[in-house]
Amino acid sequence: MDTKLTLSFDEAIIIKAKNFAERNNISLSRMIEHLLSKVVEKPYQSLDDFPISDWVNIVAEGKAIYQTKNLKKTSLKDEFFASKK
């Protein structure tokens, strides 16, 4: 059974995601459902446990370039969540 969900994203991300979904002949809803299923299919205890590279490879439009800072994991997590406010 499908359930409706309202989410808010940056408009530029939505445009890119819609284009990606269209090129891959999938609805945006199903694409997001697929990505979320990958997150919850294993018993990750936090975002720090989730192997980012798995889903980056799924949605990347080319080779992924990893940029790192000399920060602790908790600092990176705090920075990520602060950027979403």
C-alpha atoms as a PDB file:
ATOM      1  CA  MET A   1       0.000   0.000   0.000  1.00  0.00           C
ATOM      2  CA  ASP A   2       1.380   3.410  -0.944  1.00  0.00           C
ATOM      3  CA  THR A   3       1.306   6.244   1.566  1.00  0.00           C
ATOM      4  CA  LYS A   4       1.684   9.916   0.695  1.00  0.00           C
ATOM      5  CA  LEU A   5       4.558  11.865   2.185  1.00  0.00           C
ATOM      6  CA  THR A   6       5.421  15.541   1.876  1.00  0.00           C
ATOM      7  CA  LEU A   7       9.119  16.418   1.693  1.00  0.00           C
ATOM      8  CA  SER A   8      10.969  19.685   1.119  1.00  0.00           C
ATOM      9  CA  PHE A   9      14.150  19.880  -0.956  1.00  0.00           C
ATOM     10  CA  ASP A  10      16.191  22.583  -2.617  1.00  0.00           C
ATOM     11  CA  GLU A  11      14.566  23.408  -5.969  1.00  0.00           C
ATOM     12  CA  ALA A  12      17.762  22.767  -7.939  1.00  0.00           C
ATOM     13  CA  ILE A  13      18.000  19.269  -6.416  1.00  0.00           C
ATOM     14  CA  ILE A  14      14.386  18.537  -7.370  1.00  0.00           C
ATOM     15  CA  ILE A  15      14.985  19.594 -10.977  1.00  0.00           C
ATOM     16  CA  LYS A  16      18.090  17.397 -11.248  1.00  0.00           C
ATOM     17  CA  ALA A  17      16.346  14.475  -9.545  1.00  0.00           C
ATOM     18  CA  LYS A  18      13.328  14.714 -11.872  1.00  0.00           C
ATOM     19  CA  ASN A  19      15.610  14.785 -14.905  1.00  0.00           C
ATOM     20  CA  PHE A  20      17.567  11.785 -13.603  1.00  0.00           C
ATOM     21  CA  ALA A  21      14.366   9.852 -12.928  1.00  0.00           C
ATOM     22  CA  GLU A  22      12.975  10.670 -16.371  1.00  0.00           C
ATOM     23  CA  ARG A  23      16.190   9.576 -18.111  1.00  0.00           C
ATOM     24  CA  ASN A  24      15.975   6.292 -16.222  1.00  0.00           C
ATOM     25  CA  ASN A  25      12.260   5.791 -16.901  1.00  0.00           C
ATOM     26  CA  ILE A  26      11.262   5.797 -13.235  1.00  0.00           C
ATOM     27  CA  SER A  27       9.045   8.103 -11.243  1.00  0.00           C
ATOM     28  CA  LEU A  28      10.654  10.409  -8.713  1.00  0.00           C
ATOM     29  CA  SER A  29       8.581   8.741  -5.993  1.00  0.00           C
ATOM     30  CA  ARG A  30       9.847   5.270  -6.890  1.00  0.00           C
ATOM     31  CA  MET A  31      13.429   6.502  -7.140  1.00  0.00           C
ATOM     32  CA  ILE A  32      13.267   8.015  -3.638  1.00  0.00           C
ATOM     33  CA  GLU A  33      11.535   4.878  -2.358  1.00  0.00           C
ATOM     34  CA  HIS A  34      14.402   2.805  -3.791  1.00  0.00           C
ATOM     35  CA  LEU A  35      17.043   4.999  -2.153  1.00  0.00           C
ATOM     36  CA  LEU A  36      15.248   4.894   1.198  1.00  0.00           C
ATOM     37  CA  SER A  37      14.916   1.118   0.955  1.00  0.00           C
ATOM     38  CA  LYS A  38      18.711   0.923   0.631  1.00  0.00           C
ATOM     39  CA  VAL A  39      19.105   2.963   3.823  1.00  0.00           C
ATOM     40  CA  VAL A  40      16.734   0.803   5.879  1.00  0.00           C
ATOM     41  CA  GLU A  41      17.551  -2.653   4.485  1.00  0.00           C
ATOM     42  CA  LYS A  42      20.399  -3.135   6.963  1.00  0.00           C
ATOM     43  CA  PRO A  43      20.360  -2.342  10.672  1.00  0.00           C
ATOM     44  CA  TYR A  44      22.349   0.902  10.597  1.00  0.00           C
ATOM     45  CA  GLN A  45      22.330   2.597  13.981  1.00  0.00           C
ATOM     46  CA  SER A  46      23.166   6.079  12.685  1.00  0.00           C
ATOM     47  CA  LEU A  47      24.082   8.003   9.548  1.00  0.00           C
ATOM     48  CA  ASP A  48      27.734   7.516  10.479  1.00  0.00           C
ATOM     49  CA  ASP A  49      27.268   3.763   9.962  1.00  0.00           C
ATOM     50  CA  PHE A  50      25.691   4.131   6.516  1.00  0.00           C
ATOM     51  CA  PRO A  51      28.171   3.516   3.672  1.00  0.00           C
ATOM     52  CA  ILE A  52      27.631   6.682   1.660  1.00  0.00           C
ATOM     53  CA  SER A  53      29.523   5.338  -1.339  1.00  0.00           C
ATOM     54  CA  ASP A  54      26.816   2.694  -1.964  1.00  0.00           C
ATOM     55  CA  TRP A  55      24.082   5.192  -2.731  1.00  0.00           C
ATOM     56  CA  VAL A  56      26.411   7.775  -4.282  1.00  0.00           C
ATOM     57  CA  ASN A  57      27.259   5.188  -6.930  1.00  0.00           C
ATOM     58  CA  ILE A  58      23.542   4.637  -7.526  1.00  0.00           C
ATOM     59  CA  VAL A  59      22.742   8.281  -8.260  1.00  0.00           C
ATOM     60  CA  ALA A  60      26.096   9.647  -9.473  1.00  0.00           C
ATOM     61  CA  GLU A  61      26.253  11.046 -12.977  1.00  0.00           C
ATOM     62  CA  GLY A  62      29.948  10.340 -13.272  1.00  0.00           C
ATOM     63  CA  LYS A  63      32.877   9.514 -11.069  1.00  0.00           C
ATOM     64  CA  ALA A  64      32.369  10.583  -7.456  1.00  0.00           C
ATOM     65  CA  ILE A  65      34.880  13.062  -6.096  1.00  0.00           C
ATOM     66  CA  TYR A  66      35.264  12.899  -2.332  1.00  0.00           C
ATOM     67  CA  GLN A  67      36.243  16.094  -0.586  1.00  0.00           C
ATOM     68  CA  THR A  68      37.203  15.744   3.021  1.00  0.00           C
ATOM     69  CA  LYS A  69      38.109  18.138   5.766  1.00  0.00           C
ATOM     70  CA  ASN A  70      40.175  17.438   8.828  1.00  0.00           C
ATOM     71  CA  LEU A  71      37.110  17.175  11.049  1.00  0.00           C
ATOM     72  CA  LYS A  72      35.806  14.502  13.366  1.00  0.00           C
ATOM     73  CA  LYS A  73      32.743  12.499  12.260  1.00  0.00           C
ATOM     74  CA  THR A  74      30.540  14.321  14.756  1.00  0.00           C
ATOM     75  CA  SER A  75      31.641  17.656  13.310  1.00  0.00           C
ATOM     76  CA  LEU A  76      30.746  16.481   9.806  1.00  0.00           C
ATOM     77  CA  LYS A  77      27.340  15.278  10.985  1.00  0.00           C
ATOM     78  CA  ASP A  78      26.687  18.575  12.792  1.00  0.00           C
ATOM     79  CA  GLU A  79      27.756  20.502   9.675  1.00  0.00           C
ATOM     80  CA  PHE A  80      25.423  18.397   7.501  1.00  0.00           C
ATOM     81  CA  PHE A  81      22.390  18.900   9.721  1.00  0.00           C
ATOM     82  CA  ALA A  82      23.133  22.627  10.183  1.00  0.00           C
ATOM     83  CA  SER A  83      23.161  23.072   6.393  1.00  0.00           C
ATOM     84  CA  LYS A  84      19.617  21.649   6.178  1.00  0.00           C
ATOM     85  CA  LYS A  85      18.049  24.228   8.526  1.00  0.00           C
END
